[in-house]
Amino acid sequence: MLRHTFVHPGSIQSTAFSVNGWLVAGGCGNGGIWLWDLRSGTQYGGPLKGHRSSVQSVAFSPDGNLLASGSWNDTICLWDVHSQALKGEPLKGHTSSVYSSVAFSPDGQMLASSSSDCTVRIWNLTTLTSVITIPPYHHYPISIDPTWGGMFEDGWIRSTADELILWVPASYRANLYDERLITIFGQDMSSRVRLNFDQMALGEDWTKCYSLPSS
């Protein structure tokens, strides 16, 4: 059943729900961002204006207090949802449009962004700086999932708690993927390296990997 229809002055390029389901954000082709209150069916405040071109991706923080937006003009903006003020200066580092996705880490301390410059960047939201840049691939990333810590520039795969899990040699990093990935666009799948943790000994389980031969 259709509950609400919201009218806006331009094409909507991206949408996102707040975690509590009360608000929905819409990134517009004219560079504005609209917020709507689903409880009242009305617009929540005025449009957020900070981008100079189309807003291609939006995401709410886990606590619902921040909204991140990625734009065609290579920048990312952070907004205070309640005051609707821009938090600091736009985040700059990508060399091409941020129209794939933006996503917060589960603790809300980091933001991941993917761009058509074929890189993924991780941003520290306290310092508002880029702390990790995942090297470029042949094709730009479509989307990102922040719940898995992922592989860092030093080759270590870390958990979201920054725990070291596995080190990957440089020659295997370009085509590395874990089994949640459905497909890799543009990659030579004959040289892919599949990552599977099913039989990996983590924590104290490493003590079970080897047993002394019986005498």
N, C-alpha and C. Protein backbone atom coordinates (compact mmCIF):
# COMPACT_ATOMS: atom_id res chain seq x y z
N MET A 1 0.84 -1.18 0.00
CA MET A 1 0.00 0.00 0.00
C MET A 1 0.89 1.25 0.00
N LEU A 2 0.62 2.17 -0.92
CA LEU A 2 1.37 3.42 -0.99
C LEU A 2 0.96 4.32 0.18
N ARG A 3 1.95 4.70 0.99
CA ARG A 3 1.65 5.49 2.18
C ARG A 3 1.85 6.98 1.95
N HIS A 4 2.95 7.37 1.30
CA HIS A 4 3.23 8.78 1.07
C HIS A 4 3.79 8.97 -0.34
N THR A 5 3.49 10.10 -0.92
CA THR A 5 4.11 10.53 -2.16
C THR A 5 4.71 11.91 -1.92
N PHE A 6 6.02 12.03 -2.12
CA PHE A 6 6.70 13.29 -1.88
C PHE A 6 7.06 13.94 -3.21
N VAL A 7 6.76 15.21 -3.32
CA VAL A 7 7.03 15.96 -4.55
C VAL A 7 8.26 16.83 -4.34
N HIS A 8 9.13 16.84 -5.32
CA HIS A 8 10.36 17.63 -5.25
C HIS A 8 10.63 18.26 -6.61
N PRO A 9 11.50 19.27 -6.68
CA PRO A 9 11.66 20.04 -7.92
C PRO A 9 12.59 19.43 -8.96
N GLY A 10 13.24 18.33 -8.66
CA GLY A 10 14.18 17.75 -9.62
C GLY A 10 14.21 16.24 -9.52
N SER A 11 14.99 15.62 -10.39
CA SER A 11 15.09 14.16 -10.39
C SER A 11 15.84 13.68 -9.15
N ILE A 12 15.35 12.62 -8.54
CA ILE A 12 16.01 12.03 -7.38
C ILE A 12 16.97 10.94 -7.86
N GLN A 13 18.25 11.08 -7.48
CA GLN A 13 19.28 10.16 -7.91
C GLN A 13 19.58 9.07 -6.89
N SER A 14 19.26 9.32 -5.61
CA SER A 14 19.57 8.35 -4.57
C SER A 14 18.65 8.57 -3.37
N THR A 15 18.40 7.50 -2.63
CA THR A 15 17.56 7.59 -1.44
C THR A 15 18.14 6.72 -0.33
N ALA A 16 17.79 7.04 0.91
CA ALA A 16 18.23 6.24 2.06
C ALA A 16 17.29 6.47 3.23
N PHE A 17 17.02 5.40 3.99
CA PHE A 17 16.23 5.49 5.21
C PHE A 17 17.16 5.70 6.40
N SER A 18 16.68 6.45 7.40
CA SER A 18 17.38 6.50 8.68
C SER A 18 17.19 5.16 9.37
N VAL A 19 18.06 4.86 10.34
CA VAL A 19 18.02 3.56 11.00
C VAL A 19 16.69 3.32 11.71
N ASN A 20 16.12 4.37 12.31
CA ASN A 20 14.84 4.20 13.01
C ASN A 20 13.64 4.21 12.07
N GLY A 21 13.88 4.46 10.78
CA GLY A 21 12.81 4.42 9.80
C GLY A 21 11.91 5.64 9.78
N TRP A 22 12.28 6.68 10.52
CA TRP A 22 11.43 7.87 10.58
C TRP A 22 11.69 8.84 9.44
N LEU A 23 12.92 8.88 8.94
CA LEU A 23 13.28 9.84 7.90
C LEU A 23 13.74 9.12 6.65
N VAL A 24 13.53 9.76 5.52
CA VAL A 24 14.09 9.30 4.27
C VAL A 24 14.77 10.49 3.61
N ALA A 25 15.96 10.26 3.07
CA ALA A 25 16.72 11.31 2.39
C ALA A 25 16.73 11.04 0.90
N GLY A 26 16.67 12.11 0.12
CA GLY A 26 16.72 11.99 -1.32
C GLY A 26 17.75 12.94 -1.91
N GLY A 27 18.72 12.39 -2.63
CA GLY A 27 19.72 13.22 -3.30
C GLY A 27 19.22 13.61 -4.68
N CYS A 28 19.27 14.89 -4.98
CA CYS A 28 18.63 15.41 -6.19
C CYS A 28 19.65 15.73 -7.28
N GLY A 29 19.18 15.72 -8.51
CA GLY A 29 20.04 16.03 -9.65
C GLY A 29 20.50 17.46 -9.69
N ASN A 30 19.84 18.35 -8.95
CA ASN A 30 20.25 19.76 -8.95
C ASN A 30 21.23 20.09 -7.82
N GLY A 31 21.71 19.06 -7.10
CA GLY A 31 22.69 19.28 -6.04
C GLY A 31 22.11 19.41 -4.65
N GLY A 32 20.80 19.42 -4.52
CA GLY A 32 20.16 19.53 -3.21
C GLY A 32 19.84 18.17 -2.62
N ILE A 33 19.59 18.17 -1.32
CA ILE A 33 19.18 16.96 -0.61
C ILE A 33 17.92 17.27 0.17
N TRP A 34 16.91 16.44 0.02
CA TRP A 34 15.64 16.64 0.71
C TRP A 34 15.47 15.56 1.77
N LEU A 35 14.91 15.95 2.90
CA LEU A 35 14.57 15.02 3.97
C LEU A 35 13.07 15.04 4.19
N TRP A 36 12.47 13.86 4.36
CA TRP A 36 11.04 13.77 4.61
C TRP A 36 10.79 12.96 5.87
N ASP A 37 9.83 13.41 6.65
CA ASP A 37 9.42 12.74 7.88
C ASP A 37 8.28 11.78 7.54
N LEU A 38 8.52 10.49 7.69
CA LEU A 38 7.51 9.51 7.31
C LEU A 38 6.37 9.42 8.31
N ARG A 39 6.58 9.94 9.51
CA ARG A 39 5.50 9.91 10.49
C ARG A 39 4.42 10.94 10.16
N SER A 40 4.86 12.11 9.71
CA SER A 40 3.90 13.17 9.39
C SER A 40 3.62 13.27 7.89
N GLY A 41 4.51 12.66 7.09
CA GLY A 41 4.35 12.75 5.65
C GLY A 41 4.71 14.11 5.09
N THR A 42 5.56 14.85 5.82
CA THR A 42 5.93 16.19 5.39
C THR A 42 7.45 16.31 5.23
N GLN A 43 7.86 17.38 4.56
CA GLN A 43 9.28 17.64 4.41
C GLN A 43 9.89 18.00 5.76
N TYR A 44 11.09 17.47 6.03
CA TYR A 44 11.77 17.72 7.30
C TYR A 44 12.79 18.82 7.09
N GLY A 45 12.44 20.04 7.46
CA GLY A 45 13.34 21.18 7.27
C GLY A 45 13.46 21.57 5.81
N GLY A 46 14.44 22.40 5.54
CA GLY A 46 14.66 22.85 4.17
C GLY A 46 15.63 21.95 3.44
N PRO A 47 15.78 22.10 2.14
CA PRO A 47 16.75 21.30 1.40
C PRO A 47 18.18 21.62 1.85
N LEU A 48 19.02 20.59 1.89
CA LEU A 48 20.43 20.76 2.24
C LEU A 48 21.19 21.14 0.98
N LYS A 49 21.87 22.26 1.04
CA LYS A 49 22.57 22.76 -0.14
C LYS A 49 24.05 22.95 0.16
N GLY A 50 24.87 22.18 -0.55
CA GLY A 50 26.31 22.26 -0.38
C GLY A 50 27.06 21.72 -1.57
N HIS A 51 26.39 20.87 -2.34
CA HIS A 51 26.99 20.32 -3.56
C HIS A 51 26.70 21.22 -4.75
N ARG A 52 27.62 21.22 -5.70
CA ARG A 52 27.45 22.02 -6.91
C ARG A 52 26.89 21.21 -8.07
N SER A 53 26.77 19.90 -7.87
CA SER A 53 26.23 19.06 -8.94
C SER A 53 25.46 17.90 -8.32
N SER A 54 24.97 17.02 -9.15
CA SER A 54 24.04 15.96 -8.77
C SER A 54 24.54 15.14 -7.57
N VAL A 55 23.64 14.88 -6.63
CA VAL A 55 23.95 14.06 -5.45
C VAL A 55 23.61 12.61 -5.78
N GLN A 56 24.64 11.79 -5.90
CA GLN A 56 24.47 10.43 -6.41
C GLN A 56 24.34 9.37 -5.33
N SER A 57 24.70 9.69 -4.09
CA SER A 57 24.62 8.69 -3.02
C SER A 57 24.40 9.38 -1.69
N VAL A 58 23.57 8.78 -0.84
CA VAL A 58 23.30 9.30 0.50
C VAL A 58 23.25 8.13 1.48
N ALA A 59 23.62 8.41 2.75
CA ALA A 59 23.57 7.37 3.79
C ALA A 59 23.48 8.03 5.15
N PHE A 60 22.66 7.46 6.04
CA PHE A 60 22.56 7.91 7.42
C PHE A 60 23.56 7.16 8.29
N SER A 61 24.07 7.85 9.32
CA SER A 61 24.94 7.19 10.30
C SER A 61 24.10 6.25 11.16
N PRO A 62 24.74 5.28 11.83
CA PRO A 62 23.98 4.32 12.65
C PRO A 62 23.14 4.98 13.75
N ASP A 63 23.61 6.10 14.31
CA ASP A 63 22.82 6.77 15.35
C ASP A 63 21.81 7.76 14.79
N GLY A 64 21.80 7.93 13.46
CA GLY A 64 20.83 8.81 12.82
C GLY A 64 21.13 10.28 12.90
N ASN A 65 22.28 10.65 13.47
CA ASN A 65 22.58 12.08 13.65
C ASN A 65 23.29 12.71 12.46
N LEU A 66 23.93 11.91 11.64
CA LEU A 66 24.66 12.43 10.49
C LEU A 66 24.11 11.85 9.19
N LEU A 67 24.25 12.62 8.14
CA LEU A 67 23.93 12.17 6.79
C LEU A 67 25.14 12.44 5.92
N ALA A 68 25.57 11.43 5.18
CA ALA A 68 26.68 11.59 4.23
C ALA A 68 26.11 11.61 2.82
N SER A 69 26.71 12.45 1.97
CA SER A 69 26.25 12.54 0.59
C SER A 69 27.45 12.61 -0.35
N GLY A 70 27.37 11.85 -1.43
CA GLY A 70 28.42 11.85 -2.44
C GLY A 70 27.91 12.47 -3.72
N SER A 71 28.77 13.25 -4.37
CA SER A 71 28.32 14.05 -5.50
C SER A 71 29.10 13.76 -6.78
N TRP A 72 28.51 14.20 -7.88
CA TRP A 72 29.14 14.10 -9.19
C TRP A 72 30.40 14.98 -9.26
N ASN A 73 30.52 15.96 -8.38
CA ASN A 73 31.68 16.87 -8.44
C ASN A 73 32.83 16.40 -7.55
N ASP A 74 32.91 15.08 -7.29
CA ASP A 74 34.05 14.44 -6.62
C ASP A 74 34.08 14.63 -5.12
N THR A 75 33.10 15.28 -4.52
CA THR A 75 33.16 15.60 -3.09
C THR A 75 32.13 14.82 -2.28
N ILE A 76 32.39 14.78 -0.97
CA ILE A 76 31.48 14.16 -0.01
C ILE A 76 31.16 15.20 1.06
N CYS A 77 29.89 15.31 1.41
CA CYS A 77 29.48 16.24 2.47
C CYS A 77 28.91 15.46 3.64
N LEU A 78 29.15 15.98 4.84
CA LEU A 78 28.57 15.44 6.06
C LEU A 78 27.63 16.47 6.65
N TRP A 79 26.43 16.04 7.02
CA TRP A 79 25.40 16.95 7.50
C TRP A 79 24.92 16.53 8.88
N ASP A 80 24.67 17.51 9.73
CA ASP A 80 23.96 17.27 10.98
C ASP A 80 22.47 17.19 10.64
N VAL A 81 21.89 16.03 10.86
CA VAL A 81 20.50 15.82 10.44
C VAL A 81 19.54 16.77 11.14
N HIS A 82 19.79 17.08 12.39
CA HIS A 82 18.84 17.87 13.17
C HIS A 82 18.98 19.38 12.93
N SER A 83 20.22 19.86 12.92
CA SER A 83 20.42 21.29 12.63
C SER A 83 20.49 21.56 11.14
N GLN A 84 20.72 20.48 10.36
CA GLN A 84 20.84 20.54 8.91
C GLN A 84 22.02 21.42 8.47
N ALA A 85 23.01 21.53 9.32
CA ALA A 85 24.22 22.29 9.00
C ALA A 85 25.29 21.35 8.46
N LEU A 86 26.13 21.89 7.59
CA LEU A 86 27.24 21.13 7.04
C LEU A 86 28.30 20.96 8.12
N LYS A 87 28.79 19.73 8.31
CA LYS A 87 29.82 19.47 9.30
C LYS A 87 31.19 19.63 8.65
N GLY A 88 31.85 20.74 8.93
CA GLY A 88 33.16 20.99 8.36
C GLY A 88 33.10 21.24 6.86
N GLU A 89 34.26 21.17 6.24
CA GLU A 89 34.35 21.36 4.80
C GLU A 89 34.05 20.04 4.08
N PRO A 90 33.63 20.10 2.81
CA PRO A 90 33.43 18.86 2.05
C PRO A 90 34.71 18.03 2.02
N LEU A 91 34.55 16.71 2.07
CA LEU A 91 35.69 15.80 2.02
C LEU A 91 36.17 15.68 0.58
N LYS A 92 37.45 15.96 0.37
CA LYS A 92 38.02 15.95 -0.97
C LYS A 92 39.19 14.98 -1.02
N GLY A 93 39.27 14.23 -2.09
CA GLY A 93 40.33 13.25 -2.28
C GLY A 93 40.13 12.44 -3.54
N HIS A 94 38.86 12.12 -3.82
CA HIS A 94 38.56 11.42 -5.07
C HIS A 94 38.81 12.35 -6.25
N THR A 95 39.23 11.78 -7.36
CA THR A 95 39.50 12.57 -8.56
C THR A 95 38.40 12.44 -9.60
N SER A 96 37.34 11.73 -9.24
CA SER A 96 36.20 11.61 -10.14
C SER A 96 34.95 11.45 -9.28
N SER A 97 33.80 11.36 -9.92
CA SER A 97 32.53 11.43 -9.21
C SER A 97 32.35 10.33 -8.17
N VAL A 98 31.72 10.70 -7.05
CA VAL A 98 31.38 9.75 -5.99
C VAL A 98 29.93 9.36 -6.21
N TYR A 99 29.69 8.57 -7.24
CA TYR A 99 28.30 8.24 -7.55
C TYR A 99 27.99 6.76 -7.36
N SER A 100 28.90 6.03 -6.76
CA SER A 100 28.61 4.62 -6.49
C SER A 100 27.94 4.45 -5.13
N SER A 101 28.65 4.79 -4.06
CA SER A 101 28.03 4.65 -2.74
C SER A 101 28.87 5.29 -1.66
N VAL A 102 28.22 5.62 -0.55
CA VAL A 102 28.87 6.01 0.69
C VAL A 102 28.26 5.15 1.79
N ALA A 103 29.06 4.77 2.79
CA ALA A 103 28.56 3.90 3.85
C ALA A 103 29.32 4.15 5.13
N PHE A 104 28.59 4.18 6.25
CA PHE A 104 29.20 4.36 7.56
C PHE A 104 29.64 3.02 8.13
N SER A 105 30.70 3.04 8.94
CA SER A 105 31.08 1.85 9.70
C SER A 105 30.05 1.62 10.79
N PRO A 106 29.94 0.40 11.33
CA PRO A 106 28.93 0.12 12.35
C PRO A 106 29.02 1.01 13.58
N ASP A 107 30.23 1.47 13.93
CA ASP A 107 30.36 2.34 15.10
C ASP A 107 30.21 3.82 14.76
N GLY A 108 30.02 4.13 13.48
CA GLY A 108 29.81 5.51 13.06
C GLY A 108 31.05 6.38 13.06
N GLN A 109 32.23 5.79 13.27
CA GLN A 109 33.45 6.57 13.35
C GLN A 109 34.15 6.73 12.00
N MET A 110 33.81 5.88 11.05
CA MET A 110 34.44 5.89 9.74
C MET A 110 33.38 5.97 8.64
N LEU A 111 33.79 6.47 7.50
CA LEU A 111 32.93 6.51 6.32
C LEU A 111 33.71 5.94 5.15
N ALA A 112 33.08 5.06 4.39
CA ALA A 112 33.68 4.52 3.17
C ALA A 112 33.00 5.14 1.97
N SER A 113 33.77 5.44 0.94
CA SER A 113 33.22 6.02 -0.29
C SER A 113 33.85 5.34 -1.49
N SER A 114 33.04 5.07 -2.50
CA SER A 114 33.56 4.50 -3.74
C SER A 114 33.29 5.47 -4.88
N SER A 115 34.21 5.48 -5.83
CA SER A 115 34.18 6.51 -6.87
C SER A 115 34.48 5.92 -8.24
N SER A 116 34.13 6.68 -9.27
CA SER A 116 34.48 6.26 -10.62
C SER A 116 35.95 6.48 -10.93
N ASP A 117 36.74 6.98 -9.96
CA ASP A 117 38.19 7.00 -10.15
C ASP A 117 38.79 5.64 -9.82
N CYS A 118 37.89 4.65 -9.57
CA CYS A 118 38.26 3.25 -9.35
C CYS A 118 38.88 2.99 -7.98
N THR A 119 38.69 3.89 -7.04
CA THR A 119 39.22 3.68 -5.69
C THR A 119 38.10 3.69 -4.66
N VAL A 120 38.42 3.12 -3.51
CA VAL A 120 37.58 3.22 -2.32
C VAL A 120 38.40 3.94 -1.26
N ARG A 121 37.82 4.93 -0.62
CA ARG A 121 38.50 5.67 0.44
C ARG A 121 37.78 5.47 1.77
N ILE A 122 38.58 5.41 2.83
CA ILE A 122 38.05 5.33 4.19
C ILE A 122 38.39 6.64 4.88
N TRP A 123 37.37 7.28 5.47
CA TRP A 123 37.53 8.59 6.08
C TRP A 123 37.33 8.50 7.59
N ASN A 124 38.22 9.17 8.33
CA ASN A 124 38.06 9.32 9.77
C ASN A 124 37.13 10.50 10.02
N LEU A 125 36.01 10.26 10.66
CA LEU A 125 35.00 11.31 10.81
C LEU A 125 35.28 12.24 11.98
N THR A 126 36.30 11.93 12.77
CA THR A 126 36.72 12.85 13.82
C THR A 126 37.64 13.92 13.25
N THR A 127 38.59 13.48 12.43
CA THR A 127 39.54 14.42 11.82
C THR A 127 39.10 14.88 10.44
N LEU A 128 38.08 14.21 9.88
CA LEU A 128 37.58 14.52 8.53
C LEU A 128 38.70 14.40 7.50
N THR A 129 39.48 13.35 7.63
CA THR A 129 40.58 13.10 6.69
C THR A 129 40.48 11.69 6.13
N SER A 130 41.05 11.50 4.94
CA SER A 130 41.13 10.18 4.33
C SER A 130 42.30 9.43 4.96
N VAL A 131 42.02 8.27 5.55
CA VAL A 131 43.07 7.52 6.25
C VAL A 131 43.50 6.28 5.48
N ILE A 132 42.67 5.79 4.58
CA ILE A 132 43.01 4.62 3.78
C ILE A 132 42.48 4.84 2.37
N THR A 133 43.30 4.51 1.39
CA THR A 133 42.86 4.51 0.00
C THR A 133 43.12 3.13 -0.57
N ILE A 134 42.06 2.43 -0.93
CA ILE A 134 42.21 1.11 -1.54
C ILE A 134 42.58 1.34 -3.00
N PRO A 135 43.68 0.73 -3.47
CA PRO A 135 44.22 1.04 -4.79
C PRO A 135 43.20 0.85 -5.91
N PRO A 136 43.40 1.58 -7.02
CA PRO A 136 42.45 1.51 -8.14
C PRO A 136 42.47 0.17 -8.84
N TYR A 137 41.30 -0.22 -9.33
CA TYR A 137 41.14 -1.41 -10.14
C TYR A 137 40.75 -0.98 -11.55
N HIS A 138 40.58 -1.96 -12.43
CA HIS A 138 40.28 -1.63 -13.82
C HIS A 138 38.89 -1.03 -13.98
N HIS A 139 37.99 -1.35 -13.09
CA HIS A 139 36.63 -0.84 -13.16
C HIS A 139 36.23 -0.30 -11.80
N TYR A 140 35.35 0.70 -11.81
CA TYR A 140 35.00 1.35 -10.55
C TYR A 140 34.12 0.44 -9.69
N PRO A 141 34.22 0.54 -8.36
CA PRO A 141 33.40 -0.28 -7.47
C PRO A 141 31.94 0.17 -7.50
N ILE A 142 31.03 -0.81 -7.51
CA ILE A 142 29.61 -0.50 -7.57
C ILE A 142 29.07 -0.13 -6.20
N SER A 143 29.45 -0.88 -5.18
CA SER A 143 28.98 -0.59 -3.83
C SER A 143 29.95 -1.15 -2.81
N ILE A 144 29.75 -0.76 -1.55
CA ILE A 144 30.66 -1.17 -0.50
C ILE A 144 29.90 -1.61 0.72
N ASP A 145 30.49 -2.53 1.49
CA ASP A 145 29.88 -3.05 2.70
C ASP A 145 30.85 -2.83 3.85
N PRO A 146 30.52 -1.94 4.80
CA PRO A 146 31.46 -1.61 5.86
C PRO A 146 31.50 -2.58 7.02
N THR A 147 30.66 -3.63 7.01
CA THR A 147 30.62 -4.53 8.15
C THR A 147 31.82 -5.46 8.20
N TRP A 148 32.47 -5.68 7.05
CA TRP A 148 33.70 -6.46 7.02
C TRP A 148 34.86 -5.48 6.95
N GLY A 149 35.84 -5.64 7.86
CA GLY A 149 36.93 -4.67 7.92
C GLY A 149 37.65 -4.51 6.60
N GLY A 150 37.88 -5.63 5.89
CA GLY A 150 38.49 -5.56 4.58
C GLY A 150 40.00 -5.56 4.61
N MET A 151 40.58 -5.45 3.41
CA MET A 151 42.03 -5.48 3.27
C MET A 151 42.57 -4.06 3.18
N PHE A 152 43.63 -3.78 3.92
CA PHE A 152 44.22 -2.46 3.96
C PHE A 152 45.44 -2.41 3.04
N GLU A 153 46.01 -1.21 2.88
CA GLU A 153 47.10 -1.02 1.95
C GLU A 153 48.31 -1.89 2.28
N ASP A 154 48.50 -2.24 3.54
CA ASP A 154 49.64 -3.06 3.92
C ASP A 154 49.42 -4.55 3.68
N GLY A 155 48.24 -4.90 3.12
CA GLY A 155 47.95 -6.29 2.81
C GLY A 155 47.27 -7.06 3.92
N TRP A 156 47.13 -6.46 5.08
CA TRP A 156 46.47 -7.14 6.19
C TRP A 156 44.95 -7.03 6.06
N ILE A 157 44.27 -8.16 6.23
CA ILE A 157 42.82 -8.16 6.35
C ILE A 157 42.50 -8.00 7.83
N ARG A 158 41.70 -6.98 8.14
CA ARG A 158 41.38 -6.67 9.52
C ARG A 158 39.88 -6.77 9.75
N SER A 159 39.51 -7.00 10.98
CA SER A 159 38.11 -6.97 11.36
C SER A 159 37.68 -5.52 11.56
N THR A 160 36.39 -5.31 11.80
CA THR A 160 35.91 -3.95 12.06
C THR A 160 36.46 -3.41 13.38
N ALA A 161 36.98 -4.29 14.23
CA ALA A 161 37.61 -3.87 15.49
C ALA A 161 39.11 -3.68 15.32
N ASP A 162 39.59 -3.68 14.07
CA ASP A 162 40.99 -3.47 13.73
C ASP A 162 41.88 -4.63 14.18
N GLU A 163 41.31 -5.83 14.29
CA GLU A 163 42.09 -7.02 14.64
C GLU A 163 42.71 -7.60 13.37
N LEU A 164 43.98 -8.01 13.45
CA LEU A 164 44.66 -8.63 12.32
C LEU A 164 44.13 -10.04 12.13
N ILE A 165 43.71 -10.36 10.90
CA ILE A 165 43.16 -11.68 10.62
C ILE A 165 44.06 -12.48 9.68
N LEU A 166 44.45 -11.87 8.57
CA LEU A 166 45.21 -12.59 7.56
C LEU A 166 46.01 -11.60 6.73
N TRP A 167 47.27 -11.96 6.41
CA TRP A 167 48.08 -11.11 5.54
C TRP A 167 48.08 -11.70 4.14
N VAL A 168 47.83 -10.86 3.13
CA VAL A 168 47.74 -11.30 1.74
C VAL A 168 48.96 -10.81 0.96
N PRO A 169 49.73 -11.70 0.34
CA PRO A 169 50.87 -11.27 -0.48
C PRO A 169 50.43 -10.34 -1.60
N ALA A 170 51.31 -9.45 -2.01
CA ALA A 170 50.97 -8.42 -3.00
C ALA A 170 50.45 -9.01 -4.30
N SER A 171 50.99 -10.15 -4.73
CA SER A 171 50.61 -10.73 -6.02
C SER A 171 49.19 -11.26 -6.03
N TYR A 172 48.57 -11.42 -4.86
CA TYR A 172 47.21 -11.96 -4.78
C TYR A 172 46.16 -10.89 -4.52
N ARG A 173 46.56 -9.66 -4.27
CA ARG A 173 45.61 -8.66 -3.78
C ARG A 173 44.64 -8.15 -4.84
N ALA A 174 45.08 -8.01 -6.09
CA ALA A 174 44.26 -7.37 -7.12
C ALA A 174 42.96 -8.12 -7.38
N ASN A 175 43.01 -9.46 -7.38
CA ASN A 175 41.82 -10.25 -7.71
C ASN A 175 41.27 -11.00 -6.50
N LEU A 176 41.59 -10.52 -5.31
CA LEU A 176 41.08 -11.16 -4.09
C LEU A 176 39.61 -10.83 -3.88
N TYR A 177 38.83 -11.82 -3.49
CA TYR A 177 37.43 -11.56 -3.15
C TYR A 177 36.97 -12.59 -2.13
N ASP A 178 35.95 -12.24 -1.35
CA ASP A 178 35.41 -13.23 -0.43
C ASP A 178 34.08 -13.72 -0.98
N GLU A 179 33.60 -14.82 -0.44
CA GLU A 179 32.51 -15.55 -1.08
C GLU A 179 31.18 -14.82 -1.06
N ARG A 180 31.06 -13.69 -0.34
CA ARG A 180 29.82 -12.93 -0.38
C ARG A 180 29.67 -12.17 -1.68
N LEU A 181 30.79 -11.98 -2.42
CA LEU A 181 30.75 -11.23 -3.66
C LEU A 181 30.14 -12.09 -4.76
N ILE A 182 29.19 -11.53 -5.47
CA ILE A 182 28.49 -12.28 -6.51
C ILE A 182 29.31 -12.32 -7.79
N THR A 183 29.85 -11.19 -8.21
CA THR A 183 30.64 -11.15 -9.43
C THR A 183 31.60 -9.98 -9.39
N ILE A 184 32.64 -10.04 -10.21
CA ILE A 184 33.61 -8.96 -10.33
C ILE A 184 33.57 -8.47 -11.76
N PHE A 185 33.11 -7.26 -11.99
CA PHE A 185 32.99 -6.73 -13.32
C PHE A 185 34.36 -6.40 -13.89
N GLY A 186 34.62 -6.88 -15.10
CA GLY A 186 35.83 -6.51 -15.81
C GLY A 186 37.08 -7.22 -15.37
N GLN A 187 37.00 -8.13 -14.40
CA GLN A 187 38.18 -8.83 -13.93
C GLN A 187 38.36 -10.14 -14.68
N ASP A 188 39.62 -10.56 -14.80
CA ASP A 188 39.94 -11.85 -15.37
C ASP A 188 39.66 -12.91 -14.31
N MET A 189 38.55 -13.59 -14.43
CA MET A 189 38.13 -14.50 -13.37
C MET A 189 39.01 -15.74 -13.29
N SER A 190 39.81 -16.01 -14.34
CA SER A 190 40.70 -17.16 -14.29
C SER A 190 41.82 -16.97 -13.27
N SER A 191 42.10 -15.72 -12.92
CA SER A 191 43.18 -15.44 -11.97
C SER A 191 42.65 -14.98 -10.62
N ARG A 192 41.37 -15.18 -10.37
CA ARG A 192 40.77 -14.73 -9.13
C ARG A 192 41.29 -15.53 -7.94
N VAL A 193 41.27 -14.91 -6.79
CA VAL A 193 41.70 -15.55 -5.55
C VAL A 193 40.53 -15.49 -4.58
N ARG A 194 39.95 -16.62 -4.29
CA ARG A 194 38.77 -16.68 -3.43
C ARG A 194 39.19 -16.75 -1.97
N LEU A 195 38.53 -15.97 -1.15
CA LEU A 195 38.81 -15.93 0.28
C LEU A 195 37.68 -16.62 1.02
N ASN A 196 38.01 -17.66 1.78
CA ASN A 196 37.00 -18.42 2.50
C ASN A 196 37.53 -18.70 3.91
N PHE A 197 36.78 -18.23 4.92
CA PHE A 197 37.22 -18.38 6.30
C PHE A 197 36.62 -19.61 6.99
N ASP A 198 35.94 -20.48 6.24
CA ASP A 198 35.22 -21.59 6.86
C ASP A 198 36.12 -22.48 7.72
N GLN A 199 37.35 -22.76 7.24
CA GLN A 199 38.23 -23.66 7.97
C GLN A 199 39.43 -22.92 8.58
N MET A 200 39.30 -21.62 8.71
CA MET A 200 40.40 -20.85 9.27
C MET A 200 40.37 -20.92 10.80
N ALA A 201 41.54 -21.07 11.39
CA ALA A 201 41.65 -21.15 12.84
C ALA A 201 41.85 -19.76 13.41
N LEU A 202 40.82 -19.22 14.04
CA LEU A 202 40.87 -17.88 14.60
C LEU A 202 40.89 -17.96 16.13
N GLY A 203 41.48 -16.94 16.75
CA GLY A 203 41.53 -16.91 18.21
C GLY A 203 42.31 -18.10 18.76
N GLU A 204 41.75 -18.78 19.75
CA GLU A 204 42.42 -19.93 20.35
C GLU A 204 42.27 -21.20 19.53
N ASP A 205 41.50 -21.16 18.45
CA ASP A 205 41.30 -22.36 17.64
C ASP A 205 42.58 -22.83 16.95
N TRP A 206 43.58 -21.92 16.85
CA TRP A 206 44.82 -22.33 16.19
C TRP A 206 45.48 -23.50 16.92
N THR A 207 45.20 -23.67 18.21
CA THR A 207 45.81 -24.77 18.97
C THR A 207 45.27 -26.13 18.54
N LYS A 208 44.17 -26.13 17.80
CA LYS A 208 43.57 -27.38 17.36
C LYS A 208 44.06 -27.82 15.99
N CYS A 209 44.93 -27.01 15.38
CA CYS A 209 45.36 -27.30 14.01
C CYS A 209 46.30 -28.50 13.93
N TYR A 210 47.02 -28.76 15.00
CA TYR A 210 48.03 -29.81 14.95
C TYR A 210 48.00 -30.61 16.24
N SER A 211 48.09 -31.89 16.09
CA SER A 211 48.16 -32.76 17.26
C SER A 211 49.37 -33.67 17.12
N LEU A 212 50.01 -33.96 18.21
CA LEU A 212 51.19 -34.82 18.20
C LEU A 212 50.81 -36.23 17.79
N PRO A 213 51.66 -36.87 16.97
CA PRO A 213 51.36 -38.26 16.59
C PRO A 213 51.40 -39.16 17.82
N SER A 214 50.53 -40.13 17.81
CA SER A 214 50.50 -41.06 18.95
C SER A 214 51.75 -41.92 18.95
N SER A 215 52.28 -42.18 20.12
CA SER A 215 53.51 -42.97 20.24
C SER A 215 53.19 -44.46 20.20
